[in-house]
Amino acid sequence: MGSNYERELRSVLAGELKGVRAVTRSCNEVERAKAMRVVQRPFLVVRAPGSGSEGTGDLLALRGDICFPIEVKTSKKEKIYLSGRTKDQYLALQSTGERCGLLPLYAFRLKGVRGDSWRILKVEVEGLSGKLRHLSRSIPSLPLTSRGSPYLDWASGMPMHRFLSLICKSEGVRGIGPGMPSPTSHSITS
């Protein structure tokens, strides 16, 4: 996994305008607008210690309402079959997700593609609750081979702009519409 692609994804999830513009340069206006939502609701994104091993993924994306361990993969081919170390990484992510109540993700970047070159796939985990459980229903899982082994298929993943739109919907104070009182407009009396 090239660290340039980790940095690219980190920049996007952190809501850095320059990073979001760079990855959406060849996208259409609707896709670009959906991706730009992350600028208003960014994540703190850190490179996981021991990146890619022991179920941590390569990056951890954290925000007050959700957290994702993310394994980053890139290829010139649309499919990546997991075996050996990559299969162990998948199983460790699955174990960590179930143990900690997290939804591990794969971010798969296809090289040489115009438009949205990133796809998001989830690792199947049991026992999710709250917002992660709800999000899990919308994000596609890694497909299975005829022998039941998970693999990455870029074409079956969720495009990054759709993923960003999904996880960056307005909530809380940002969701207050015109004519509605803001939380700070109420006076406190003793």
N, C-alpha and C. Protein backbone atom coordinates (compact mmCIF):
# COMPACT_ATOMS: atom_id res chain seq x y z
N MET A 1 0.85 -1.18 0.00
CA MET A 1 0.00 0.00 0.00
C MET A 1 0.89 1.22 0.00
N GLY A 2 0.75 2.05 -1.03
CA GLY A 2 1.54 3.27 -1.11
C GLY A 2 1.03 4.33 -0.15
N SER A 3 1.94 4.96 0.57
CA SER A 3 1.53 5.96 1.55
C SER A 3 0.95 7.21 0.88
N ASN A 4 1.24 7.44 -0.41
CA ASN A 4 0.63 8.57 -1.12
C ASN A 4 -0.89 8.45 -1.13
N TYR A 5 -1.39 7.24 -1.32
CA TYR A 5 -2.84 7.03 -1.35
C TYR A 5 -3.45 7.13 0.04
N GLU A 6 -2.71 6.70 1.05
CA GLU A 6 -3.17 6.90 2.43
C GLU A 6 -3.29 8.39 2.71
N ARG A 7 -2.29 9.16 2.30
CA ARG A 7 -2.32 10.61 2.52
C ARG A 7 -3.48 11.25 1.75
N GLU A 8 -3.72 10.78 0.53
CA GLU A 8 -4.83 11.30 -0.27
C GLU A 8 -6.16 11.07 0.45
N LEU A 9 -6.37 9.84 0.93
CA LEU A 9 -7.61 9.52 1.63
C LEU A 9 -7.71 10.28 2.95
N ARG A 10 -6.60 10.39 3.66
CA ARG A 10 -6.58 11.12 4.92
C ARG A 10 -7.01 12.57 4.70
N SER A 11 -6.48 13.19 3.66
CA SER A 11 -6.79 14.57 3.34
C SER A 11 -8.28 14.75 3.05
N VAL A 12 -8.87 13.80 2.33
CA VAL A 12 -10.30 13.87 2.00
C VAL A 12 -11.14 13.72 3.27
N LEU A 13 -10.89 12.68 4.05
CA LEU A 13 -11.69 12.45 5.25
C LEU A 13 -11.52 13.56 6.29
N ALA A 14 -10.35 14.20 6.30
CA ALA A 14 -10.10 15.31 7.22
C ALA A 14 -10.79 16.59 6.76
N GLY A 15 -11.45 16.54 5.60
CA GLY A 15 -12.20 17.69 5.10
C GLY A 15 -11.33 18.80 4.56
N GLU A 16 -10.11 18.47 4.16
CA GLU A 16 -9.21 19.49 3.60
C GLU A 16 -9.68 19.82 2.18
N LEU A 17 -10.02 21.08 1.97
CA LEU A 17 -10.58 21.52 0.69
C LEU A 17 -9.68 21.12 -0.49
N LYS A 18 -8.40 21.31 -0.33
CA LYS A 18 -7.46 20.99 -1.40
C LYS A 18 -7.51 19.49 -1.74
N GLY A 19 -7.60 18.64 -0.72
CA GLY A 19 -7.65 17.20 -0.92
C GLY A 19 -8.94 16.75 -1.58
N VAL A 20 -10.06 17.31 -1.14
CA VAL A 20 -11.36 16.94 -1.72
C VAL A 20 -11.41 17.39 -3.18
N ARG A 21 -10.93 18.58 -3.45
CA ARG A 21 -10.90 19.08 -4.84
C ARG A 21 -10.03 18.19 -5.71
N ALA A 22 -8.90 17.76 -5.20
CA ALA A 22 -7.96 16.93 -5.98
C ALA A 22 -8.60 15.60 -6.40
N VAL A 23 -9.31 14.94 -5.49
CA VAL A 23 -9.88 13.63 -5.83
C VAL A 23 -11.20 13.74 -6.60
N THR A 24 -11.80 14.93 -6.63
CA THR A 24 -13.06 15.09 -7.36
C THR A 24 -12.89 15.90 -8.64
N ARG A 25 -11.65 16.19 -9.00
CA ARG A 25 -11.36 17.03 -10.16
C ARG A 25 -12.08 16.55 -11.42
N SER A 26 -12.09 15.25 -11.66
CA SER A 26 -12.72 14.74 -12.89
C SER A 26 -14.13 14.18 -12.64
N CYS A 27 -14.71 14.51 -11.48
CA CYS A 27 -16.09 14.10 -11.18
C CYS A 27 -17.07 15.13 -11.73
N ASN A 28 -18.34 14.75 -11.82
CA ASN A 28 -19.34 15.73 -12.24
C ASN A 28 -19.72 16.61 -11.04
N GLU A 29 -20.52 17.65 -11.30
CA GLU A 29 -20.87 18.62 -10.26
C GLU A 29 -21.61 18.00 -9.08
N VAL A 30 -22.52 17.08 -9.34
CA VAL A 30 -23.30 16.43 -8.27
C VAL A 30 -22.36 15.62 -7.37
N GLU A 31 -21.47 14.85 -7.98
CA GLU A 31 -20.52 14.05 -7.20
C GLU A 31 -19.61 14.95 -6.38
N ARG A 32 -19.15 16.04 -6.98
CA ARG A 32 -18.27 16.97 -6.27
C ARG A 32 -18.99 17.60 -5.08
N ALA A 33 -20.25 18.00 -5.27
CA ALA A 33 -21.02 18.61 -4.19
C ALA A 33 -21.24 17.63 -3.04
N LYS A 34 -21.51 16.38 -3.36
CA LYS A 34 -21.70 15.37 -2.30
C LYS A 34 -20.41 15.16 -1.52
N ALA A 35 -19.28 15.09 -2.22
CA ALA A 35 -17.99 14.89 -1.55
C ALA A 35 -17.63 16.08 -0.68
N MET A 36 -18.00 17.28 -1.10
CA MET A 36 -17.65 18.50 -0.36
C MET A 36 -18.33 18.58 1.02
N ARG A 37 -19.33 17.76 1.26
CA ARG A 37 -20.00 17.78 2.57
C ARG A 37 -19.03 17.48 3.70
N VAL A 38 -17.97 16.75 3.41
CA VAL A 38 -17.02 16.39 4.45
C VAL A 38 -16.25 17.62 4.96
N VAL A 39 -16.21 18.69 4.17
CA VAL A 39 -15.54 19.91 4.60
C VAL A 39 -16.26 20.49 5.83
N GLN A 40 -17.59 20.36 5.89
CA GLN A 40 -18.37 20.85 7.02
C GLN A 40 -18.38 19.87 8.20
N ARG A 41 -18.18 18.58 7.94
CA ARG A 41 -18.22 17.57 9.01
C ARG A 41 -17.00 16.66 8.90
N PRO A 42 -15.80 17.21 9.11
CA PRO A 42 -14.57 16.44 8.92
C PRO A 42 -14.31 15.43 10.03
N PHE A 43 -13.38 14.55 9.76
CA PHE A 43 -12.91 13.57 10.71
C PHE A 43 -11.50 13.92 11.15
N LEU A 44 -11.15 13.47 12.33
CA LEU A 44 -9.75 13.43 12.73
C LEU A 44 -9.26 12.10 12.18
N VAL A 45 -8.24 12.13 11.35
CA VAL A 45 -7.76 10.92 10.71
C VAL A 45 -6.32 10.70 11.12
N VAL A 46 -6.05 9.53 11.71
CA VAL A 46 -4.69 9.22 12.15
C VAL A 46 -4.25 7.90 11.52
N ARG A 47 -2.96 7.82 11.27
CA ARG A 47 -2.40 6.57 10.77
C ARG A 47 -2.31 5.64 11.96
N ALA A 48 -2.82 4.45 11.78
CA ALA A 48 -2.85 3.48 12.89
C ALA A 48 -1.44 3.00 13.20
N PRO A 49 -1.09 2.88 14.48
CA PRO A 49 0.21 2.31 14.83
C PRO A 49 0.26 0.86 14.36
N GLY A 50 1.38 0.43 13.81
CA GLY A 50 1.47 -0.93 13.30
C GLY A 50 0.52 -1.11 12.14
N SER A 51 0.39 -0.06 11.34
CA SER A 51 -0.59 0.00 10.26
C SER A 51 -0.74 -1.29 9.48
N GLY A 52 -1.99 -1.71 9.33
CA GLY A 52 -2.30 -2.88 8.52
C GLY A 52 -2.21 -4.20 9.25
N SER A 53 -1.90 -4.17 10.54
CA SER A 53 -1.80 -5.43 11.27
C SER A 53 -2.68 -5.40 12.52
N GLU A 54 -2.96 -6.56 13.03
CA GLU A 54 -3.68 -6.72 14.29
C GLU A 54 -5.04 -6.02 14.33
N GLY A 55 -5.70 -5.89 13.20
CA GLY A 55 -7.06 -5.39 13.19
C GLY A 55 -7.24 -3.89 13.28
N THR A 56 -6.14 -3.14 13.16
CA THR A 56 -6.26 -1.69 13.27
C THR A 56 -6.55 -1.01 11.94
N GLY A 57 -6.25 -1.66 10.83
CA GLY A 57 -6.35 -1.01 9.54
C GLY A 57 -5.18 -0.07 9.35
N ASP A 58 -5.22 0.71 8.29
CA ASP A 58 -4.16 1.69 8.02
C ASP A 58 -4.46 3.04 8.65
N LEU A 59 -5.74 3.41 8.66
CA LEU A 59 -6.16 4.70 9.18
C LEU A 59 -7.32 4.53 10.15
N LEU A 60 -7.41 5.46 11.09
CA LEU A 60 -8.57 5.54 11.97
C LEU A 60 -9.21 6.90 11.72
N ALA A 61 -10.49 6.89 11.33
CA ALA A 61 -11.24 8.12 11.11
C ALA A 61 -12.18 8.31 12.29
N LEU A 62 -11.99 9.40 13.03
CA LEU A 62 -12.75 9.64 14.26
C LEU A 62 -13.50 10.96 14.19
N ARG A 63 -14.73 10.93 14.65
CA ARG A 63 -15.54 12.13 14.79
C ARG A 63 -16.43 11.88 16.00
N GLY A 64 -17.00 12.90 16.57
CA GLY A 64 -17.81 12.75 17.77
C GLY A 64 -18.89 11.70 17.70
N ASP A 65 -19.42 11.45 16.52
CA ASP A 65 -20.53 10.51 16.40
C ASP A 65 -20.15 9.13 15.87
N ILE A 66 -19.02 9.00 15.17
CA ILE A 66 -18.63 7.70 14.61
C ILE A 66 -17.11 7.57 14.49
N CYS A 67 -16.69 6.32 14.38
CA CYS A 67 -15.27 6.00 14.22
C CYS A 67 -15.15 4.77 13.32
N PHE A 68 -14.20 4.81 12.38
CA PHE A 68 -13.98 3.69 11.48
C PHE A 68 -12.51 3.33 11.41
N PRO A 69 -12.14 2.05 11.60
CA PRO A 69 -10.81 1.62 11.18
C PRO A 69 -10.89 1.36 9.68
N ILE A 70 -9.91 1.85 8.92
CA ILE A 70 -9.95 1.74 7.46
C ILE A 70 -8.67 1.09 6.94
N GLU A 71 -8.83 0.05 6.16
CA GLU A 71 -7.73 -0.59 5.45
C GLU A 71 -7.72 -0.03 4.04
N VAL A 72 -6.60 0.52 3.60
CA VAL A 72 -6.49 1.17 2.30
C VAL A 72 -5.80 0.23 1.31
N LYS A 73 -6.43 0.04 0.16
CA LYS A 73 -5.86 -0.81 -0.89
C LYS A 73 -5.92 -0.05 -2.21
N THR A 74 -4.90 -0.26 -3.06
CA THR A 74 -4.88 0.33 -4.39
C THR A 74 -4.47 -0.74 -5.39
N SER A 75 -4.96 -0.59 -6.62
CA SER A 75 -4.62 -1.57 -7.65
C SER A 75 -4.94 -1.00 -9.02
N LYS A 76 -4.30 -1.58 -10.04
CA LYS A 76 -4.66 -1.26 -11.42
C LYS A 76 -5.75 -2.21 -11.89
N LYS A 77 -6.00 -3.27 -11.12
CA LYS A 77 -7.03 -4.25 -11.44
C LYS A 77 -8.24 -4.04 -10.54
N GLU A 78 -9.43 -4.36 -11.07
CA GLU A 78 -10.67 -4.12 -10.33
C GLU A 78 -10.92 -5.08 -9.18
N LYS A 79 -10.19 -6.17 -9.13
CA LYS A 79 -10.40 -7.16 -8.06
C LYS A 79 -9.09 -7.47 -7.36
N ILE A 80 -9.18 -7.59 -6.04
CA ILE A 80 -8.03 -8.01 -5.23
C ILE A 80 -8.51 -9.19 -4.40
N TYR A 81 -7.87 -10.33 -4.58
CA TYR A 81 -8.22 -11.53 -3.81
C TYR A 81 -7.36 -11.57 -2.56
N LEU A 82 -8.00 -11.84 -1.43
CA LEU A 82 -7.30 -11.86 -0.14
C LEU A 82 -6.78 -13.26 0.13
N SER A 83 -5.51 -13.32 0.45
CA SER A 83 -4.90 -14.60 0.86
C SER A 83 -3.68 -14.29 1.70
N GLY A 84 -3.28 -15.25 2.50
CA GLY A 84 -2.11 -15.05 3.35
C GLY A 84 -2.27 -13.86 4.27
N ARG A 85 -1.33 -12.91 4.17
CA ARG A 85 -1.32 -11.75 5.06
C ARG A 85 -2.57 -10.89 4.89
N THR A 86 -3.04 -10.70 3.65
CA THR A 86 -4.22 -9.85 3.44
C THR A 86 -5.49 -10.50 4.00
N LYS A 87 -5.56 -11.82 3.95
CA LYS A 87 -6.71 -12.53 4.55
C LYS A 87 -6.64 -12.43 6.08
N ASP A 88 -5.42 -12.54 6.63
CA ASP A 88 -5.24 -12.37 8.08
C ASP A 88 -5.66 -10.97 8.51
N GLN A 89 -5.32 -9.94 7.70
CA GLN A 89 -5.73 -8.57 8.01
C GLN A 89 -7.25 -8.47 8.06
N TYR A 90 -7.92 -9.07 7.08
CA TYR A 90 -9.38 -9.04 7.04
C TYR A 90 -9.96 -9.68 8.31
N LEU A 91 -9.47 -10.86 8.66
CA LEU A 91 -9.98 -11.57 9.84
C LEU A 91 -9.72 -10.79 11.12
N ALA A 92 -8.57 -10.12 11.20
CA ALA A 92 -8.25 -9.31 12.37
C ALA A 92 -9.17 -8.08 12.44
N LEU A 93 -9.45 -7.46 11.29
CA LEU A 93 -10.39 -6.34 11.27
C LEU A 93 -11.77 -6.78 11.72
N GLN A 94 -12.20 -7.94 11.26
CA GLN A 94 -13.50 -8.48 11.63
C GLN A 94 -13.55 -8.73 13.14
N SER A 95 -12.52 -9.34 13.67
CA SER A 95 -12.44 -9.63 15.10
C SER A 95 -12.47 -8.33 15.93
N THR A 96 -11.68 -7.36 15.52
CA THR A 96 -11.64 -6.07 16.23
C THR A 96 -13.00 -5.39 16.17
N GLY A 97 -13.63 -5.41 14.99
CA GLY A 97 -14.96 -4.81 14.84
C GLY A 97 -15.96 -5.40 15.79
N GLU A 98 -15.97 -6.73 15.89
CA GLU A 98 -16.94 -7.39 16.77
C GLU A 98 -16.60 -7.17 18.24
N ARG A 99 -15.33 -7.20 18.57
CA ARG A 99 -14.89 -7.01 19.95
C ARG A 99 -15.18 -5.59 20.46
N CYS A 100 -14.98 -4.60 19.56
CA CYS A 100 -15.06 -3.20 19.97
C CYS A 100 -16.32 -2.48 19.49
N GLY A 101 -17.21 -3.19 18.78
CA GLY A 101 -18.42 -2.56 18.29
C GLY A 101 -18.16 -1.53 17.20
N LEU A 102 -17.16 -1.78 16.35
CA LEU A 102 -16.79 -0.87 15.26
C LEU A 102 -17.16 -1.46 13.91
N LEU A 103 -17.25 -0.60 12.90
CA LEU A 103 -17.50 -1.02 11.54
C LEU A 103 -16.24 -0.80 10.71
N PRO A 104 -15.41 -1.84 10.54
CA PRO A 104 -14.19 -1.69 9.74
C PRO A 104 -14.54 -1.56 8.26
N LEU A 105 -13.76 -0.72 7.57
CA LEU A 105 -13.99 -0.46 6.16
C LEU A 105 -12.73 -0.71 5.35
N TYR A 106 -12.94 -1.01 4.07
CA TYR A 106 -11.87 -1.02 3.08
C TYR A 106 -12.11 0.17 2.17
N ALA A 107 -11.06 0.95 1.91
CA ALA A 107 -11.10 2.02 0.92
C ALA A 107 -10.22 1.53 -0.23
N PHE A 108 -10.82 1.32 -1.38
CA PHE A 108 -10.14 0.70 -2.52
C PHE A 108 -10.06 1.73 -3.64
N ARG A 109 -8.82 2.11 -4.00
CA ARG A 109 -8.61 3.09 -5.07
C ARG A 109 -8.13 2.36 -6.31
N LEU A 110 -8.85 2.56 -7.39
CA LEU A 110 -8.48 1.98 -8.67
C LEU A 110 -7.65 3.01 -9.43
N LYS A 111 -6.45 2.62 -9.81
CA LYS A 111 -5.54 3.52 -10.52
C LYS A 111 -5.96 3.66 -11.97
N GLY A 112 -5.76 4.86 -12.52
CA GLY A 112 -6.02 5.10 -13.93
C GLY A 112 -7.47 5.29 -14.31
N VAL A 113 -8.31 5.64 -13.33
CA VAL A 113 -9.74 5.81 -13.59
C VAL A 113 -10.11 7.29 -13.49
N ARG A 114 -10.94 7.77 -14.39
CA ARG A 114 -11.45 9.15 -14.30
C ARG A 114 -12.69 9.14 -13.42
N GLY A 115 -12.98 10.29 -12.84
CA GLY A 115 -14.13 10.38 -11.95
C GLY A 115 -13.75 9.91 -10.55
N ASP A 116 -14.71 9.40 -9.84
CA ASP A 116 -14.51 8.95 -8.46
C ASP A 116 -13.76 7.61 -8.47
N SER A 117 -12.49 7.64 -8.13
CA SER A 117 -11.65 6.44 -8.22
C SER A 117 -11.64 5.61 -6.93
N TRP A 118 -12.26 6.10 -5.87
CA TRP A 118 -12.31 5.39 -4.59
C TRP A 118 -13.64 4.67 -4.42
N ARG A 119 -13.58 3.47 -3.81
CA ARG A 119 -14.78 2.71 -3.45
C ARG A 119 -14.64 2.26 -2.00
N ILE A 120 -15.77 2.23 -1.31
CA ILE A 120 -15.81 1.84 0.10
C ILE A 120 -16.60 0.53 0.22
N LEU A 121 -16.02 -0.41 0.96
CA LEU A 121 -16.68 -1.69 1.26
C LEU A 121 -16.53 -1.94 2.76
N LYS A 122 -17.50 -2.62 3.34
CA LYS A 122 -17.43 -2.89 4.78
C LYS A 122 -17.03 -4.34 5.04
N VAL A 123 -16.48 -4.53 6.21
CA VAL A 123 -16.20 -5.86 6.73
C VAL A 123 -17.44 -6.28 7.51
N GLU A 124 -17.96 -7.47 7.23
CA GLU A 124 -19.15 -7.97 7.94
C GLU A 124 -18.80 -8.23 9.40
N VAL A 125 -19.53 -7.56 10.30
CA VAL A 125 -19.35 -7.78 11.74
C VAL A 125 -20.72 -7.91 12.39
N GLU A 126 -20.76 -8.64 13.48
CA GLU A 126 -21.99 -8.83 14.26
C GLU A 126 -21.98 -7.87 15.44
N GLY A 127 -23.17 -7.53 15.90
CA GLY A 127 -23.31 -6.79 17.15
C GLY A 127 -23.17 -5.28 17.06
N LEU A 128 -23.31 -4.69 15.87
CA LEU A 128 -23.24 -3.24 15.78
C LEU A 128 -24.50 -2.63 16.36
N SER A 129 -24.38 -1.40 16.86
CA SER A 129 -25.56 -0.72 17.40
C SER A 129 -25.55 0.74 16.97
N GLY A 130 -26.65 1.41 17.18
CA GLY A 130 -26.76 2.84 16.92
C GLY A 130 -26.49 3.22 15.47
N LYS A 131 -25.77 4.31 15.31
CA LYS A 131 -25.51 4.87 14.00
C LYS A 131 -24.72 3.92 13.11
N LEU A 132 -23.76 3.19 13.69
CA LEU A 132 -22.96 2.26 12.89
C LEU A 132 -23.83 1.14 12.32
N ARG A 133 -24.78 0.69 13.10
CA ARG A 133 -25.69 -0.36 12.61
C ARG A 133 -26.52 0.15 11.44
N HIS A 134 -26.99 1.37 11.56
CA HIS A 134 -27.78 1.99 10.49
C HIS A 134 -26.92 2.18 9.23
N LEU A 135 -25.70 2.71 9.40
CA LEU A 135 -24.81 2.92 8.26
C LEU A 135 -24.42 1.60 7.59
N SER A 136 -24.25 0.58 8.40
CA SER A 136 -23.84 -0.73 7.90
C SER A 136 -24.81 -1.26 6.85
N ARG A 137 -26.07 -0.93 7.00
CA ARG A 137 -27.09 -1.41 6.05
C ARG A 137 -26.91 -0.79 4.66
N SER A 138 -26.30 0.38 4.58
CA SER A 138 -26.15 1.09 3.31
C SER A 138 -24.83 0.82 2.59
N ILE A 139 -23.83 0.39 3.31
CA ILE A 139 -22.50 0.19 2.73
C ILE A 139 -22.35 -1.27 2.29
N PRO A 140 -21.95 -1.51 1.04
CA PRO A 140 -21.82 -2.90 0.58
C PRO A 140 -20.68 -3.64 1.27
N SER A 141 -20.89 -4.93 1.48
CA SER A 141 -19.86 -5.80 2.07
C SER A 141 -18.90 -6.26 0.99
N LEU A 142 -17.74 -6.74 1.41
CA LEU A 142 -16.86 -7.40 0.46
C LEU A 142 -17.60 -8.60 -0.08
N PRO A 143 -17.61 -8.79 -1.40
CA PRO A 143 -18.27 -9.98 -1.96
C PRO A 143 -17.48 -11.23 -1.60
N LEU A 144 -18.08 -12.40 -1.83
CA LEU A 144 -17.43 -13.67 -1.52
C LEU A 144 -17.16 -14.44 -2.81
N THR A 145 -16.03 -15.15 -2.82
CA THR A 145 -15.72 -16.03 -3.95
C THR A 145 -16.64 -17.24 -3.88
N SER A 146 -16.58 -18.10 -4.88
CA SER A 146 -17.40 -19.32 -4.88
C SER A 146 -17.07 -20.23 -3.71
N ARG A 147 -15.88 -20.05 -3.14
CA ARG A 147 -15.47 -20.84 -1.97
C ARG A 147 -15.76 -20.12 -0.65
N GLY A 148 -16.45 -18.97 -0.73
CA GLY A 148 -16.84 -18.26 0.49
C GLY A 148 -15.79 -17.34 1.08
N SER A 149 -14.74 -17.03 0.33
CA SER A 149 -13.67 -16.16 0.82
C SER A 149 -13.93 -14.71 0.36
N PRO A 150 -13.83 -13.73 1.27
CA PRO A 150 -14.06 -12.34 0.88
C PRO A 150 -12.96 -11.83 -0.05
N TYR A 151 -13.34 -10.94 -0.97
CA TYR A 151 -12.36 -10.30 -1.84
C TYR A 151 -12.85 -8.88 -2.15
N LEU A 152 -11.94 -8.06 -2.64
CA LEU A 152 -12.29 -6.68 -2.99
C LEU A 152 -12.68 -6.61 -4.46
N ASP A 153 -13.84 -6.05 -4.72
CA ASP A 153 -14.31 -5.84 -6.09
C ASP A 153 -14.69 -4.37 -6.20
N TRP A 154 -13.85 -3.61 -6.89
CA TRP A 154 -14.04 -2.16 -6.99
C TRP A 154 -15.44 -1.83 -7.50
N ALA A 155 -15.91 -2.55 -8.49
CA ALA A 155 -17.21 -2.26 -9.11
C ALA A 155 -18.38 -2.45 -8.14
N SER A 156 -18.22 -3.26 -7.11
CA SER A 156 -19.32 -3.48 -6.18
C SER A 156 -19.26 -2.57 -4.95
N GLY A 157 -18.23 -1.73 -4.86
CA GLY A 157 -18.10 -0.82 -3.72
C GLY A 157 -18.94 0.44 -3.87
N MET A 158 -19.09 1.16 -2.77
CA MET A 158 -19.81 2.43 -2.76
C MET A 158 -18.84 3.54 -3.17
N PRO A 159 -19.21 4.34 -4.18
CA PRO A 159 -18.34 5.45 -4.57
C PRO A 159 -18.08 6.39 -3.39
N MET A 160 -16.87 6.92 -3.32
CA MET A 160 -16.47 7.78 -2.20
C MET A 160 -17.44 8.96 -2.01
N HIS A 161 -17.87 9.60 -3.09
CA HIS A 161 -18.75 10.77 -2.93
C HIS A 161 -20.07 10.38 -2.27
N ARG A 162 -20.58 9.18 -2.58
CA ARG A 162 -21.82 8.73 -1.93
C ARG A 162 -21.57 8.41 -0.46
N PHE A 163 -20.43 7.79 -0.16
CA PHE A 163 -20.07 7.49 1.21
C PHE A 163 -19.96 8.78 2.03
N LEU A 164 -19.26 9.78 1.49
CA LEU A 164 -19.10 11.04 2.21
C LEU A 164 -20.44 11.73 2.42
N SER A 165 -21.30 11.69 1.43
CA SER A 165 -22.63 12.27 1.57
C SER A 165 -23.42 11.56 2.67
N LEU A 166 -23.31 10.25 2.71
CA LEU A 166 -24.02 9.44 3.70
C LEU A 166 -23.55 9.73 5.13
N ILE A 167 -22.25 9.80 5.33
CA ILE A 167 -21.73 9.97 6.70
C ILE A 167 -21.63 11.43 7.13
N CYS A 168 -21.90 12.37 6.23
CA CYS A 168 -21.78 13.79 6.56
C CYS A 168 -23.10 14.53 6.46
N LYS A 169 -24.21 13.81 6.61
CA LYS A 169 -25.51 14.48 6.62
C LYS A 169 -25.55 15.43 7.81
N SER A 170 -26.27 16.54 7.65
CA SER A 170 -26.37 17.53 8.73
C SER A 170 -27.09 16.93 9.92
N GLU A 171 -26.57 17.23 11.08
CA GLU A 171 -27.18 16.79 12.33
C GLU A 171 -27.00 17.85 13.39
N GLY A 172 -27.76 17.72 14.45
CA GLY A 172 -27.59 18.60 15.61
C GLY A 172 -27.75 20.06 15.24
N VAL A 173 -26.85 20.90 15.72
CA VAL A 173 -26.91 22.34 15.50
C VAL A 173 -26.90 22.66 14.01
N ARG A 174 -26.14 21.91 13.22
CA ARG A 174 -26.06 22.17 11.78
C ARG A 174 -27.39 21.89 11.09
N GLY A 175 -28.26 21.11 11.75
CA GLY A 175 -29.54 20.75 11.13
C GLY A 175 -30.68 21.70 11.45
N ILE A 176 -30.40 22.76 12.20
CA ILE A 176 -31.45 23.70 12.58
C ILE A 176 -31.79 24.56 11.38
N GLY A 177 -33.05 24.60 11.06
CA GLY A 177 -33.49 25.35 9.88
C GLY A 177 -33.87 26.78 10.22
N PRO A 178 -34.20 27.58 9.19
CA PRO A 178 -34.61 28.97 9.42
C PRO A 178 -35.89 29.01 10.26
N GLY A 179 -35.94 30.00 11.13
CA GLY A 179 -37.14 30.17 11.94
C GLY A 179 -37.16 29.30 13.19
N MET A 180 -36.18 28.43 13.32
CA MET A 180 -36.12 27.58 14.52
C MET A 180 -35.13 28.21 15.49
N PRO A 181 -35.43 28.16 16.77
CA PRO A 181 -34.51 28.76 17.74
C PRO A 181 -33.20 27.99 17.79
N SER A 182 -32.13 28.72 17.93
CA SER A 182 -30.84 28.05 18.07
C SER A 182 -30.65 27.67 19.53
N PRO A 183 -29.79 26.69 19.82
CA PRO A 183 -29.60 26.27 21.20
C PRO A 183 -29.09 27.38 22.09
N THR A 184 -28.41 28.38 21.52
CA THR A 184 -27.85 29.45 22.34
C THR A 184 -28.84 30.61 22.53
N SER A 185 -29.99 30.56 21.88
CA SER A 185 -30.93 31.68 21.99
C SER A 185 -31.80 31.58 23.24
N HIS A 186 -31.75 30.46 23.94
CA HIS A 186 -32.54 30.31 25.17
C HIS A 186 -31.77 30.90 26.34
N SER A 187 -32.46 31.70 27.14
CA SER A 187 -31.78 32.27 28.30
C SER A 187 -31.92 31.30 29.47
N ILE A 188 -30.90 31.30 30.28
CA ILE A 188 -30.90 30.44 31.46
C ILE A 188 -31.31 31.30 32.66
N THR A 189 -32.32 30.86 33.35
CA THR A 189 -32.76 31.59 34.53
C THR A 189 -32.53 30.75 35.76
N SER A 190 -32.23 31.42 36.86
CA SER A 190 -32.00 30.66 38.09
C SER A 190 -33.14 30.77 39.04
